[in-house]
PDB file of N, CA and C in Angstrom:
ATOM      1  N   MET A   1       1.060  -1.302   0.005  1.00  0.00           N
ATOM      2  CA  MET A   1       0.142  -0.004   0.071  1.00  0.00           C
ATOM      3  C   MET A   1       0.877   1.107  -0.226  1.00  0.00           C
ATOM      4  N   ALA A   2       0.620   2.179  -0.930  1.00  0.00           N
ATOM      5  CA  ALA A   2       1.645   3.295  -1.094  1.00  0.00           C
ATOM      6  C   ALA A   2       1.123   4.180   0.297  1.00  0.00           C
ATOM      7  N   HIS A   3       2.028   5.227   0.510  1.00  0.00           N
ATOM      8  CA  HIS A   3       1.766   6.352   1.672  1.00  0.00           C
ATOM      9  C   HIS A   3       0.580   7.481   0.616  1.00  0.00           C
ATOM     10  N   ASN A   4      -0.180   7.886   1.645  1.00  0.00           N
ATOM     11  CA  ASN A   4      -0.848   8.688   1.305  1.00  0.00           C
ATOM     12  C   ASN A   4      -0.434  10.203   1.557  1.00  0.00           C
ATOM     13  N   GLU A   5      -0.500  10.894   0.175  1.00  0.00           N
ATOM     14  CA  GLU A   5       0.197  12.258   0.547  1.00  0.00           C
ATOM     15  C   GLU A   5      -0.821  13.260   1.041  1.00  0.00           C
ATOM     16  N   LEU A   6      -2.142  12.727   1.095  1.00  0.00           N
ATOM     17  CA  LEU A   6      -3.076  13.680   1.676  1.00  0.00           C
ATOM     18  C   LEU A   6      -2.852  13.983   3.045  1.00  0.00           C
ATOM     19  N   ARG A   7      -2.561  12.957   3.954  1.00  0.00           N
ATOM     20  CA  ARG A   7      -2.167  13.023   5.355  1.00  0.00           C
ATOM     21  C   ARG A   7      -0.869  12.870   5.648  1.00  0.00           C
ATOM     22  N   PRO A   8       0.313  14.041   5.151  1.00  0.00           N
ATOM     23  CA  PRO A   8       1.734  13.428   5.345  1.00  0.00           C
ATOM     24  C   PRO A   8       2.037  13.812   6.806  1.00  0.00           C
ATOM     25  N   VAL A   9       3.193  12.948   7.227  1.00  0.00           N
ATOM     26  CA  VAL A   9       3.522  13.229   8.601  1.00  0.00           C
ATOM     27  C   VAL A   9       4.404  14.839   8.733  1.00  0.00           C
ATOM     28  N   ILE A  10       4.151  15.491   9.483  1.00  0.00           N
ATOM     29  CA  ILE A  10       4.758  16.476   9.879  1.00  0.00           C
ATOM     30  C   ILE A  10       5.426  16.672  11.362  1.00  0.00           C
ATOM     31  N   LYS A  11       6.286  17.442  11.475  1.00  0.00           N
ATOM     32  CA  LYS A  11       7.230  17.838  12.680  1.00  0.00           C
ATOM     33  C   LYS A  11       6.343  19.050  13.278  1.00  0.00           C
ATOM     34  N   LEU A  12       6.055  19.056  14.578  1.00  0.00           N
ATOM     35  CA  LEU A  12       5.805  20.400  15.019  1.00  0.00           C
ATOM     36  C   LEU A  12       6.917  20.703  15.976  1.00  0.00           C
ATOM     37  N   ARG A  13       7.686  21.908  16.086  1.00  0.00           N
ATOM     38  CA  ARG A  13       8.992  22.440  16.538  1.00  0.00           C
ATOM     39  C   ARG A  13       8.632  23.471  17.551  1.00  0.00           C
ATOM     40  N   SER A  14       9.036  23.315  19.002  1.00  0.00           N
ATOM     41  CA  SER A  14       8.534  24.427  19.728  1.00  0.00           C
ATOM     42  C   SER A  14       9.061  25.975  19.618  1.00  0.00           C
ATOM     43  N   THR A  15       7.982  26.631  19.949  1.00  0.00           N
ATOM     44  CA  THR A  15       8.330  28.185  19.646  1.00  0.00           C
ATOM     45  C   THR A  15       9.493  28.843  20.973  1.00  0.00           C
ATOM     46  N   ALA A  16       9.605  27.910  21.874  1.00  0.00           N
ATOM     47  CA  ALA A  16      10.446  28.218  23.086  1.00  0.00           C
ATOM     48  C   ALA A  16      11.666  28.255  22.887  1.00  0.00           C
ATOM     49  N   GLY A  17      11.986  27.476  22.017  1.00  0.00           N
ATOM     50  CA  GLY A  17      13.660  27.810  21.672  1.00  0.00           C
ATOM     51  C   GLY A  17      14.331  26.797  22.129  1.00  0.00           C
ATOM     52  N   THR A  18      13.536  25.574  22.525  1.00  0.00           N
ATOM     53  CA  THR A  18      14.423  24.481  23.148  1.00  0.00           C
ATOM     54  C   THR A  18      14.624  23.096  22.358  1.00  0.00           C
ATOM     55  N   GLY A  19      14.181  23.160  21.328  1.00  0.00           N
ATOM     56  CA  GLY A  19      14.453  22.182  20.167  1.00  0.00           C
ATOM     57  C   GLY A  19      13.337  21.074  20.303  1.00  0.00           C
ATOM     58  N   HIS A  20      12.394  21.194  21.130  1.00  0.00           N
ATOM     59  CA  HIS A  20      11.839  19.757  21.315  1.00  0.00           C
ATOM     60  C   HIS A  20      10.768  19.567  19.975  1.00  0.00           C
ATOM     61  N   THR A  21      10.429  18.646  19.814  1.00  0.00           N
ATOM     62  CA  THR A  21       9.504  18.350  18.723  1.00  0.00           C
ATOM     63  C   THR A  21       8.301  17.421  18.918  1.00  0.00           C
ATOM     64  N   TYR A  22       7.101  17.567  18.361  1.00  0.00           N
ATOM     65  CA  TYR A  22       6.078  16.448  18.392  1.00  0.00           C
ATOM     66  C   TYR A  22       6.240  16.026  16.805  1.00  0.00           C
ATOM     67  N   VAL A  23       5.724  14.923  16.468  1.00  0.00           N
ATOM     68  CA  VAL A  23       5.489  14.110  15.388  1.00  0.00           C
ATOM     69  C   VAL A  23       3.745  13.739  15.155  1.00  0.00           C
ATOM     70  N   THR A  24       3.271  14.394  14.310  1.00  0.00           N
ATOM     71  CA  THR A  24       1.978  14.260  13.876  1.00  0.00           C
ATOM     72  C   THR A  24       1.513  13.980  12.476  1.00  0.00           C
ATOM     73  N   ARG A  25       0.087  14.020  12.138  1.00  0.00           N
ATOM     74  CA  ARG A  25      -0.376  13.620  10.932  1.00  0.00           C
ATOM     75  C   ARG A  25      -1.141  14.936  10.691  1.00  0.00           C
ATOM     76  N   LYS A  26      -1.354  15.547   9.450  1.00  0.00           N
ATOM     77  CA  LYS A  26      -2.553  16.685   9.011  1.00  0.00           C
ATOM     78  C   LYS A  26      -3.020  16.209   7.909  1.00  0.00           C
ATOM     79  N   ASN A  27      -4.458  17.097   7.764  1.00  0.00           N
ATOM     80  CA  ASN A  27      -5.178  16.636   6.692  1.00  0.00           C
ATOM     81  C   ASN A  27      -4.770  18.247   5.674  1.00  0.00           C
ATOM     82  N   ARG A  28      -4.491  17.592   4.558  1.00  0.00           N
ATOM     83  CA  ARG A  28      -4.128  18.884   3.783  1.00  0.00           C
ATOM     84  C   ARG A  28      -5.169  20.120   3.106  1.00  0.00           C
ATOM     85  N   ARG A  29      -6.143  19.167   2.953  1.00  0.00           N
ATOM     86  CA  ARG A  29      -7.446  19.696   2.326  1.00  0.00           C
ATOM     87  C   ARG A  29      -7.952  20.529   3.492  1.00  0.00           C
ATOM     88  N   SER A  30      -7.913  20.391   4.726  1.00  0.00           N
ATOM     89  CA  SER A  30      -8.912  20.974   5.539  1.00  0.00           C
ATOM     90  C   SER A  30      -7.539  22.160   6.163  1.00  0.00           C
ATOM     91  N   ASP A  31      -6.354  21.845   6.062  1.00  0.00           N
ATOM     92  CA  ASP A  31      -5.217  22.420   6.865  1.00  0.00           C
ATOM     93  C   ASP A  31      -4.095  22.897   5.756  1.00  0.00           C
ATOM     94  N   ALA A  32      -4.479  23.945   5.202  1.00  0.00           N
ATOM     95  CA  ALA A  32      -3.413  24.141   4.074  1.00  0.00           C
ATOM     96  C   ALA A  32      -2.472  24.892   4.444  1.00  0.00           C
ATOM     97  N   ASP A  33      -2.509  25.922   5.424  1.00  0.00           N
ATOM     98  CA  ASP A  33      -1.193  26.478   5.825  1.00  0.00           C
ATOM     99  C   ASP A  33      -0.579  25.716   6.866  1.00  0.00           C
ATOM    100  N   ARG A  34       0.428  26.395   7.420  1.00  0.00           N
ATOM    101  CA  ARG A  34       1.357  25.661   8.609  1.00  0.00           C
ATOM    102  C   ARG A  34       0.441  25.559   9.982  1.00  0.00           C
ATOM    103  N   MET A  35       0.389  24.385  10.527  1.00  0.00           N
ATOM    104  CA  MET A  35      -0.336  24.161  11.496  1.00  0.00           C
ATOM    105  C   MET A  35       0.390  24.692  12.887  1.00  0.00           C
ATOM    106  N   VAL A  36      -0.216  25.308  13.578  1.00  0.00           N
ATOM    107  CA  VAL A  36       0.190  25.772  15.315  1.00  0.00           C
ATOM    108  C   VAL A  36      -0.887  25.062  16.077  1.00  0.00           C
ATOM    109  N   LEU A  37       0.064  24.519  16.944  1.00  0.00           N
ATOM    110  CA  LEU A  37      -0.866  23.775  18.212  1.00  0.00           C
ATOM    111  C   LEU A  37       0.058  24.046  19.590  1.00  0.00           C
ATOM    112  N   ARG A  38      -1.259  24.575  20.704  1.00  0.00           N
ATOM    113  CA  ARG A  38      -0.327  24.505  22.001  1.00  0.00           C
ATOM    114  C   ARG A  38      -0.318  23.250  22.686  1.00  0.00           C
ATOM    115  N   LYS A  39       0.980  22.909  22.748  1.00  0.00           N
ATOM    116  CA  LYS A  39       1.283  21.646  23.328  1.00  0.00           C
ATOM    117  C   LYS A  39       2.302  21.961  24.650  1.00  0.00           C
ATOM    118  N   TYR A  40       2.521  20.937  25.314  1.00  0.00           N
ATOM    119  CA  TYR A  40       3.262  20.977  26.679  1.00  0.00           C
ATOM    120  C   TYR A  40       4.758  20.695  26.360  1.00  0.00           C
ATOM    121  N   ASP A  41       5.598  21.541  26.284  1.00  0.00           N
ATOM    122  CA  ASP A  41       7.235  21.774  26.432  1.00  0.00           C
ATOM    123  C   ASP A  41       7.895  21.204  27.284  1.00  0.00           C
ATOM    124  N   PRO A  42       8.262  19.485  27.562  1.00  0.00           N
ATOM    125  CA  PRO A  42       8.876  19.298  28.760  1.00  0.00           C
ATOM    126  C   PRO A  42      10.332  19.644  29.311  1.00  0.00           C
ATOM    127  N   VAL A  43      11.017  20.630  28.111  1.00  0.00           N
ATOM    128  CA  VAL A  43      12.393  21.061  28.362  1.00  0.00           C
ATOM    129  C   VAL A  43      11.943  22.559  29.205  1.00  0.00           C
ATOM    130  N   ALA A  44      10.904  23.523  28.852  1.00  0.00           N
ATOM    131  CA  ALA A  44      10.809  24.538  29.131  1.00  0.00           C
ATOM    132  C   ALA A  44       9.652  24.551  30.345  1.00  0.00           C
ATOM    133  N   ARG A  45       9.189  23.068  30.451  1.00  0.00           N
ATOM    134  CA  ARG A  45       8.233  22.750  31.750  1.00  0.00           C
ATOM    135  C   ARG A  45       6.912  23.587  31.718  1.00  0.00           C
ATOM    136  N   ARG A  46       6.306  23.815  30.214  1.00  0.00           N
ATOM    137  CA  ARG A  46       5.272  24.826  30.437  1.00  0.00           C
ATOM    138  C   ARG A  46       4.681  24.648  28.774  1.00  0.00           C
ATOM    139  N   HIS A  47       3.365  24.983  28.982  1.00  0.00           N
ATOM    140  CA  HIS A  47       2.825  24.854  27.658  1.00  0.00           C
ATOM    141  C   HIS A  47       3.221  26.253  26.578  1.00  0.00           C
ATOM    142  N   VAL A  48       3.701  25.690  25.521  1.00  0.00           N
ATOM    143  CA  VAL A  48       4.085  26.809  24.313  1.00  0.00           C
ATOM    144  C   VAL A  48       3.327  26.467  23.047  1.00  0.00           C
ATOM    145  N   ASP A  49       3.440  27.233  22.119  1.00  0.00           N
ATOM    146  CA  ASP A  49       2.846  27.115  20.844  1.00  0.00           C
ATOM    147  C   ASP A  49       3.961  26.007  19.901  1.00  0.00           C
ATOM    148  N   PHE A  50       3.477  25.378  19.284  1.00  0.00           N
ATOM    149  CA  PHE A  50       4.492  24.339  18.383  1.00  0.00           C
ATOM    150  C   PHE A  50       4.081  24.629  16.996  1.00  0.00           C
ATOM    151  N   ARG A  51       4.946  24.910  16.253  1.00  0.00           N
ATOM    152  CA  ARG A  51       4.581  25.515  14.641  1.00  0.00           C
ATOM    153  C   ARG A  51       5.155  24.262  13.983  1.00  0.00           C
ATOM    154  N   GLU A  52       4.639  24.041  12.822  1.00  0.00           N
ATOM    155  CA  GLU A  52       4.834  23.175  11.704  1.00  0.00           C
ATOM    156  C   GLU A  52       6.044  23.699  10.971  1.00  0.00           C
ATOM    157  N   GLU A  53       6.940  22.676  10.739  1.00  0.00           N
ATOM    158  CA  GLU A  53       8.244  22.984  10.268  1.00  0.00           C
ATOM    159  C   GLU A  53       8.147  22.260   8.888  1.00  0.00           C
ATOM    160  N   ARG A  54       8.654  22.924   7.718  1.00  0.00           N
ATOM    161  CA  ARG A  54       8.872  21.766   6.525  1.00  0.00           C
ATOM    162  C   ARG A  54      10.530  21.617   6.174  1.00  0.00           C
TER     163      ARG A  54
END
């Protein structure tokens, strides 16, 4: 079975500058621009914005 490029794997990098990343998938049809999620950064020990990197 081929990989579906409609739901690609993306990396979410912390905006706190710690270098921590999360890996997830996203739907390109419903989320065309870069994804921003507020998640927990264990290095900074607080919730920060995580932005999609390409």
